[in-house]
Amino acid sequence: MMGALSIAIAYGIDVNLKNDPNIHYAEEAVKGLAGAANFGAFLVNSVPTLRYVPSWFPGAAWKRQAHVWND
């Protein structure tokens, strides 16, 4: 209800209270922002040379997640 009210006030979009895609997109954006803002969540923040590891490499789930957030 709070998300629907916020979107309606900020953007003038009528939002369904059940299964609305706008609410889904907003929730996914907040999850991504919260995950990215947690500095200690990814080892690459402590060891910058890990950014050169290919995304298929075991343990490089952070790189695949960053690709998802980038899209």
PDB file of N, CA and C in Angstrom:
ATOM      1  N   MET A   1       0.817  -1.185   0.000  1.00  0.00           N
ATOM      2  CA  MET A   1       0.000   0.000   0.000  1.00  0.00           C
ATOM      3  C   MET A   1       0.865   1.255   0.000  1.00  0.00           C
ATOM      4  N   MET A   2       1.941   1.245   0.787  1.00  0.00           N
ATOM      5  CA  MET A   2       2.806   2.419   0.865  1.00  0.00           C
ATOM      6  C   MET A   2       3.529   2.642  -0.460  1.00  0.00           C
ATOM      7  N   GLY A   3       3.969   1.561  -1.085  1.00  0.00           N
ATOM      8  CA  GLY A   3       4.630   1.684  -2.383  1.00  0.00           C
ATOM      9  C   GLY A   3       3.684   2.215  -3.439  1.00  0.00           C
ATOM     10  N   ALA A   4       2.464   1.737  -3.437  1.00  0.00           N
ATOM     11  CA  ALA A   4       1.466   2.197  -4.405  1.00  0.00           C
ATOM     12  C   ALA A   4       1.173   3.673  -4.202  1.00  0.00           C
ATOM     13  N   LEU A   5       1.065   4.089  -2.967  1.00  0.00           N
ATOM     14  CA  LEU A   5       0.803   5.489  -2.669  1.00  0.00           C
ATOM     15  C   LEU A   5       1.979   6.373  -3.093  1.00  0.00           C
ATOM     16  N   SER A   6       3.193   5.913  -2.818  1.00  0.00           N
ATOM     17  CA  SER A   6       4.378   6.685  -3.188  1.00  0.00           C
ATOM     18  C   SER A   6       4.494   6.844  -4.697  1.00  0.00           C
ATOM     19  N   ILE A   7       4.280   5.775  -5.442  1.00  0.00           N
ATOM     20  CA  ILE A   7       4.366   5.834  -6.901  1.00  0.00           C
ATOM     21  C   ILE A   7       3.248   6.704  -7.467  1.00  0.00           C
ATOM     22  N   ALA A   8       2.064   6.599  -6.897  1.00  0.00           N
ATOM     23  CA  ALA A   8       0.936   7.402  -7.369  1.00  0.00           C
ATOM     24  C   ALA A   8       1.188   8.890  -7.149  1.00  0.00           C
ATOM     25  N   ILE A   9       1.742   9.247  -6.005  1.00  0.00           N
ATOM     26  CA  ILE A   9       2.003  10.658  -5.708  1.00  0.00           C
ATOM     27  C   ILE A   9       3.180  11.177  -6.536  1.00  0.00           C
ATOM     28  N   ALA A  10       4.266  10.418  -6.589  1.00  0.00           N
ATOM     29  CA  ALA A  10       5.477  10.892  -7.254  1.00  0.00           C
ATOM     30  C   ALA A  10       5.362  10.916  -8.772  1.00  0.00           C
ATOM     31  N   TYR A  11       4.727   9.909  -9.353  1.00  0.00           N
ATOM     32  CA  TYR A  11       4.717   9.774 -10.803  1.00  0.00           C
ATOM     33  C   TYR A  11       3.334   9.850 -11.433  1.00  0.00           C
ATOM     34  N   GLY A  12       2.278   9.881 -10.638  1.00  0.00           N
ATOM     35  CA  GLY A  12       0.932   9.952 -11.167  1.00  0.00           C
ATOM     36  C   GLY A  12       0.471   8.681 -11.850  1.00  0.00           C
ATOM     37  N   ILE A  13       1.035   7.551 -11.446  1.00  0.00           N
ATOM     38  CA  ILE A  13       0.689   6.263 -12.037  1.00  0.00           C
ATOM     39  C   ILE A  13      -0.322   5.562 -11.136  1.00  0.00           C
ATOM     40  N   ASP A  14      -1.414   5.105 -11.721  1.00  0.00           N
ATOM     41  CA  ASP A  14      -2.376   4.310 -10.955  1.00  0.00           C
ATOM     42  C   ASP A  14      -1.818   2.909 -10.782  1.00  0.00           C
ATOM     43  N   VAL A  15      -1.745   2.471  -9.550  1.00  0.00           N
ATOM     44  CA  VAL A  15      -1.110   1.199  -9.229  1.00  0.00           C
ATOM     45  C   VAL A  15      -2.142   0.243  -8.663  1.00  0.00           C
ATOM     46  N   ASN A  16      -2.135  -0.997  -9.176  1.00  0.00           N
ATOM     47  CA  ASN A  16      -2.975  -2.053  -8.603  1.00  0.00           C
ATOM     48  C   ASN A  16      -2.352  -2.519  -7.303  1.00  0.00           C
ATOM     49  N   LEU A  17      -3.174  -2.866  -6.358  1.00  0.00           N
ATOM     50  CA  LEU A  17      -2.638  -3.317  -5.080  1.00  0.00           C
ATOM     51  C   LEU A  17      -2.120  -4.740  -5.126  1.00  0.00           C
ATOM     52  N   LYS A  18      -2.508  -5.505  -6.156  1.00  0.00           N
ATOM     53  CA  LYS A  18      -2.024  -6.883  -6.282  1.00  0.00           C
ATOM     54  C   LYS A  18      -1.336  -7.068  -7.622  1.00  0.00           C
ATOM     55  N   ASN A  19      -0.135  -7.618  -7.594  1.00  0.00           N
ATOM     56  CA  ASN A  19       0.631  -8.013  -8.782  1.00  0.00           C
ATOM     57  C   ASN A  19       0.830  -6.886  -9.786  1.00  0.00           C
ATOM     58  N   ASP A  20       1.191  -5.718  -9.329  1.00  0.00           N
ATOM     59  CA  ASP A  20       1.451  -4.603 -10.235  1.00  0.00           C
ATOM     60  C   ASP A  20       2.922  -4.625 -10.645  1.00  0.00           C
ATOM     61  N   PRO A  21       3.230  -4.531 -11.936  1.00  0.00           N
ATOM     62  CA  PRO A  21       4.624  -4.574 -12.370  1.00  0.00           C
ATOM     63  C   PRO A  21       5.443  -3.379 -11.868  1.00  0.00           C
ATOM     64  N   ASN A  22       4.817  -2.232 -11.670  1.00  0.00           N
ATOM     65  CA  ASN A  22       5.552  -1.071 -11.167  1.00  0.00           C
ATOM     66  C   ASN A  22       6.069  -1.307  -9.755  1.00  0.00           C
ATOM     67  N   ILE A  23       5.274  -1.955  -8.934  1.00  0.00           N
ATOM     68  CA  ILE A  23       5.705  -2.281  -7.574  1.00  0.00           C
ATOM     69  C   ILE A  23       6.833  -3.306  -7.622  1.00  0.00           C
ATOM     70  N   HIS A  24       6.713  -4.281  -8.508  1.00  0.00           N
ATOM     71  CA  HIS A  24       7.757  -5.300  -8.657  1.00  0.00           C
ATOM     72  C   HIS A  24       9.085  -4.653  -9.053  1.00  0.00           C
ATOM     73  N   TYR A  25       9.060  -3.752 -10.030  1.00  0.00           N
ATOM     74  CA  TYR A  25      10.289  -3.079 -10.470  1.00  0.00           C
ATOM     75  C   TYR A  25      10.898  -2.239  -9.348  1.00  0.00           C
ATOM     76  N   ALA A  26      10.056  -1.564  -8.597  1.00  0.00           N
ATOM     77  CA  ALA A  26      10.552  -0.751  -7.489  1.00  0.00           C
ATOM     78  C   ALA A  26      11.191  -1.614  -6.405  1.00  0.00           C
ATOM     79  N   GLU A  27      10.568  -2.752  -6.097  1.00  0.00           N
ATOM     80  CA  GLU A  27      11.130  -3.655  -5.096  1.00  0.00           C
ATOM     81  C   GLU A  27      12.469  -4.218  -5.552  1.00  0.00           C
ATOM     82  N   GLU A  28      12.575  -4.606  -6.821  1.00  0.00           N
ATOM     83  CA  GLU A  28      13.833  -5.135  -7.351  1.00  0.00           C
ATOM     84  C   GLU A  28      14.926  -4.068  -7.327  1.00  0.00           C
ATOM     85  N   ALA A  29      14.572  -2.834  -7.621  1.00  0.00           N
ATOM     86  CA  ALA A  29      15.549  -1.746  -7.590  1.00  0.00           C
ATOM     87  C   ALA A  29      16.075  -1.505  -6.181  1.00  0.00           C
ATOM     88  N   VAL A  30      15.183  -1.556  -5.208  1.00  0.00           N
ATOM     89  CA  VAL A  30      15.597  -1.344  -3.822  1.00  0.00           C
ATOM     90  C   VAL A  30      16.478  -2.497  -3.347  1.00  0.00           C
ATOM     91  N   LYS A  31      16.146  -3.730  -3.742  1.00  0.00           N
ATOM     92  CA  LYS A  31      16.983  -4.875  -3.366  1.00  0.00           C
ATOM     93  C   LYS A  31      18.386  -4.734  -3.946  1.00  0.00           C
ATOM     94  N   GLY A  32      18.466  -4.339  -5.203  1.00  0.00           N
ATOM     95  CA  GLY A  32      19.767  -4.156  -5.841  1.00  0.00           C
ATOM     96  C   GLY A  32      20.565  -3.044  -5.199  1.00  0.00           C
ATOM     97  N   LEU A  33      19.918  -1.949  -4.878  1.00  0.00           N
ATOM     98  CA  LEU A  33      20.594  -0.828  -4.240  1.00  0.00           C
ATOM     99  C   LEU A  33      21.096  -1.212  -2.856  1.00  0.00           C
ATOM    100  N   ALA A  34      20.285  -1.929  -2.109  1.00  0.00           N
ATOM    101  CA  ALA A  34      20.695  -2.350  -0.769  1.00  0.00           C
ATOM    102  C   ALA A  34      21.865  -3.329  -0.831  1.00  0.00           C
ATOM    103  N   GLY A  35      21.839  -4.233  -1.799  1.00  0.00           N
ATOM    104  CA  GLY A  35      22.940  -5.184  -1.940  1.00  0.00           C
ATOM    105  C   GLY A  35      24.224  -4.520  -2.389  1.00  0.00           C
ATOM    106  N   ALA A  36      24.126  -3.567  -3.296  1.00  0.00           N
ATOM    107  CA  ALA A  36      25.313  -2.884  -3.800  1.00  0.00           C
ATOM    108  C   ALA A  36      25.891  -1.911  -2.777  1.00  0.00           C
ATOM    109  N   ALA A  37      25.049  -1.361  -1.928  1.00  0.00           N
ATOM    110  CA  ALA A  37      25.510  -0.379  -0.951  1.00  0.00           C
ATOM    111  C   ALA A  37      26.237  -1.018   0.220  1.00  0.00           C
ATOM    112  N   ASN A  38      26.073  -2.311   0.420  1.00  0.00           N
ATOM    113  CA  ASN A  38      26.753  -3.012   1.501  1.00  0.00           C
ATOM    114  C   ASN A  38      28.203  -3.236   1.098  1.00  0.00           C
ATOM    115  N   PHE A  39      29.109  -2.430   1.637  1.00  0.00           N
ATOM    116  CA  PHE A  39      30.499  -2.441   1.181  1.00  0.00           C
ATOM    117  C   PHE A  39      31.190  -3.782   1.387  1.00  0.00           C
ATOM    118  N   GLY A  40      30.942  -4.465   2.463  1.00  0.00           N
ATOM    119  CA  GLY A  40      31.631  -5.710   2.764  1.00  0.00           C
ATOM    120  C   GLY A  40      31.010  -6.937   2.131  1.00  0.00           C
ATOM    121  N   ALA A  41      30.014  -6.756   1.297  1.00  0.00           N
ATOM    122  CA  ALA A  41      29.290  -7.896   0.745  1.00  0.00           C
ATOM    123  C   ALA A  41      30.105  -8.655  -0.300  1.00  0.00           C
ATOM    124  N   PHE A  42      31.011  -7.988  -0.983  1.00  0.00           N
ATOM    125  CA  PHE A  42      31.752  -8.622  -2.071  1.00  0.00           C
ATOM    126  C   PHE A  42      33.247  -8.512  -1.819  1.00  0.00           C
ATOM    127  N   LEU A  43      33.937  -9.607  -2.024  1.00  0.00           N
ATOM    128  CA  LEU A  43      35.379  -9.652  -1.805  1.00  0.00           C
ATOM    129  C   LEU A  43      36.124  -8.739  -2.769  1.00  0.00           C
ATOM    130  N   VAL A  44      35.556  -8.482  -3.919  1.00  0.00           N
ATOM    131  CA  VAL A  44      36.216  -7.626  -4.904  1.00  0.00           C
ATOM    132  C   VAL A  44      36.409  -6.203  -4.367  1.00  0.00           C
ATOM    133  N   ASN A  45      35.621  -5.798  -3.400  1.00  0.00           N
ATOM    134  CA  ASN A  45      35.815  -4.479  -2.795  1.00  0.00           C
ATOM    135  C   ASN A  45      37.113  -4.419  -1.997  1.00  0.00           C
ATOM    136  N   SER A  46      37.543  -5.526  -1.456  1.00  0.00           N
ATOM    137  CA  SER A  46      38.777  -5.585  -0.678  1.00  0.00           C
ATOM    138  C   SER A  46      39.987  -5.933  -1.534  1.00  0.00           C
ATOM    139  N   VAL A  47      39.774  -6.722  -2.580  1.00  0.00           N
ATOM    140  CA  VAL A  47      40.852  -7.153  -3.471  1.00  0.00           C
ATOM    141  C   VAL A  47      40.485  -6.721  -4.898  1.00  0.00           C
ATOM    142  N   PRO A  48      40.833  -5.507  -5.297  1.00  0.00           N
ATOM    143  CA  PRO A  48      40.398  -4.970  -6.590  1.00  0.00           C
ATOM    144  C   PRO A  48      40.861  -5.763  -7.815  1.00  0.00           C
ATOM    145  N   THR A  49      41.925  -6.524  -7.700  1.00  0.00           N
ATOM    146  CA  THR A  49      42.388  -7.289  -8.864  1.00  0.00           C
ATOM    147  C   THR A  49      41.411  -8.405  -9.246  1.00  0.00           C
ATOM    148  N   LEU A  50      40.479  -8.730  -8.369  1.00  0.00           N
ATOM    149  CA  LEU A  50      39.480  -9.755  -8.690  1.00  0.00           C
ATOM    150  C   LEU A  50      38.518  -9.311  -9.792  1.00  0.00           C
ATOM    151  N   ARG A  51      38.504  -8.036 -10.116  1.00  0.00           N
ATOM    152  CA  ARG A  51      37.604  -7.574 -11.173  1.00  0.00           C
ATOM    153  C   ARG A  51      37.979  -8.145 -12.531  1.00  0.00           C
ATOM    154  N   TYR A  52      39.182  -8.677 -12.660  1.00  0.00           N
ATOM    155  CA  TYR A  52      39.625  -9.267 -13.921  1.00  0.00           C
ATOM    156  C   TYR A  52      39.278 -10.749 -14.041  1.00  0.00           C
ATOM    157  N   VAL A  53      38.693 -11.322 -13.007  1.00  0.00           N
ATOM    158  CA  VAL A  53      38.280 -12.728 -13.027  1.00  0.00           C
ATOM    159  C   VAL A  53      37.072 -12.860 -13.955  1.00  0.00           C
ATOM    160  N   PRO A  54      37.055 -13.872 -14.838  1.00  0.00           N
ATOM    161  CA  PRO A  54      35.893 -14.039 -15.713  1.00  0.00           C
ATOM    162  C   PRO A  54      34.631 -14.391 -14.919  1.00  0.00           C
ATOM    163  N   SER A  55      33.483 -14.033 -15.453  1.00  0.00           N
ATOM    164  CA  SER A  55      32.233 -14.240 -14.726  1.00  0.00           C
ATOM    165  C   SER A  55      31.871 -15.716 -14.564  1.00  0.00           C
ATOM    166  N   TRP A  56      32.387 -16.585 -15.419  1.00  0.00           N
ATOM    167  CA  TRP A  56      32.088 -18.017 -15.313  1.00  0.00           C
ATOM    168  C   TRP A  56      32.936 -18.683 -14.237  1.00  0.00           C
ATOM    169  N   PHE A  57      33.941 -18.011 -13.726  1.00  0.00           N
ATOM    170  CA  PHE A  57      34.861 -18.589 -12.746  1.00  0.00           C
ATOM    171  C   PHE A  57      34.127 -18.869 -11.436  1.00  0.00           C
ATOM    172  N   PRO A  58      34.389 -20.034 -10.806  1.00  0.00           N
ATOM    173  CA  PRO A  58      33.745 -20.335  -9.515  1.00  0.00           C
ATOM    174  C   PRO A  58      34.089 -19.267  -8.466  1.00  0.00           C
ATOM    175  N   GLY A  59      33.092 -18.804  -7.792  1.00  0.00           N
ATOM    176  CA  GLY A  59      33.293 -17.771  -6.783  1.00  0.00           C
ATOM    177  C   GLY A  59      33.095 -16.364  -7.318  1.00  0.00           C
ATOM    178  N   ALA A  60      32.793 -16.237  -8.600  1.00  0.00           N
ATOM    179  CA  ALA A  60      32.607 -14.915  -9.201  1.00  0.00           C
ATOM    180  C   ALA A  60      31.129 -14.576  -9.358  1.00  0.00           C
ATOM    181  N   ALA A  61      30.326 -15.043  -8.437  1.00  0.00           N
ATOM    182  CA  ALA A  61      28.892 -14.742  -8.499  1.00  0.00           C
ATOM    183  C   ALA A  61      28.650 -13.242  -8.393  1.00  0.00           C
ATOM    184  N   TRP A  62      29.520 -12.513  -7.733  1.00  0.00           N
ATOM    185  CA  TRP A  62      29.392 -11.069  -7.622  1.00  0.00           C
ATOM    186  C   TRP A  62      29.435 -10.406  -8.995  1.00  0.00           C
ATOM    187  N   LYS A  63      30.224 -10.967  -9.896  1.00  0.00           N
ATOM    188  CA  LYS A  63      30.328 -10.388 -11.234  1.00  0.00           C
ATOM    189  C   LYS A  63      29.040 -10.625 -12.029  1.00  0.00           C
ATOM    190  N   ARG A  64      28.461 -11.811 -11.880  1.00  0.00           N
ATOM    191  CA  ARG A  64      27.183 -12.088 -12.549  1.00  0.00           C
ATOM    192  C   ARG A  64      26.070 -11.219 -11.968  1.00  0.00           C
ATOM    193  N   GLN A  65      26.110 -11.018 -10.656  1.00  0.00           N
ATOM    194  CA  GLN A  65      25.103 -10.166 -10.011  1.00  0.00           C
ATOM    195  C   GLN A  65      25.261  -8.714 -10.473  1.00  0.00           C
ATOM    196  N   ALA A  66      26.471  -8.249 -10.613  1.00  0.00           N
ATOM    197  CA  ALA A  66      26.697  -6.886 -11.102  1.00  0.00           C
ATOM    198  C   ALA A  66      26.168  -6.735 -12.528  1.00  0.00           C
ATOM    199  N   HIS A  67      26.294  -7.779 -13.330  1.00  0.00           N
ATOM    200  CA  HIS A  67      25.770  -7.737 -14.697  1.00  0.00           C
ATOM    201  C   HIS A  67      24.243  -7.647 -14.677  1.00  0.00           C
ATOM    202  N   VAL A  68      23.609  -8.374 -13.775  1.00  0.00           N
ATOM    203  CA  VAL A  68      22.145  -8.318 -13.643  1.00  0.00           C
ATOM    204  C   VAL A  68      21.716  -6.912 -13.216  1.00  0.00           C
ATOM    205  N   TRP A  69      22.425  -6.320 -12.264  1.00  0.00           N
ATOM    206  CA  TRP A  69      22.085  -4.978 -11.789  1.00  0.00           C
ATOM    207  C   TRP A  69      22.317  -3.942 -12.867  1.00  0.00           C
ATOM    208  N   ASN A  70      23.273  -4.194 -13.743  1.00  0.00           N
ATOM    209  CA  ASN A  70      23.601  -3.240 -14.796  1.00  0.00           C
ATOM    210  C   ASN A  70      22.529  -3.208 -15.893  1.00  0.00           C
ATOM    211  N   ASP A  71      21.825  -4.303 -16.074  1.00  0.00           N
ATOM    212  CA  ASP A  71      20.802  -4.350 -17.134  1.00  0.00           C
ATOM    213  C   ASP A  71      19.588  -3.641 -16.776  1.00  0.00           C
TER     214      ASP A  71
END
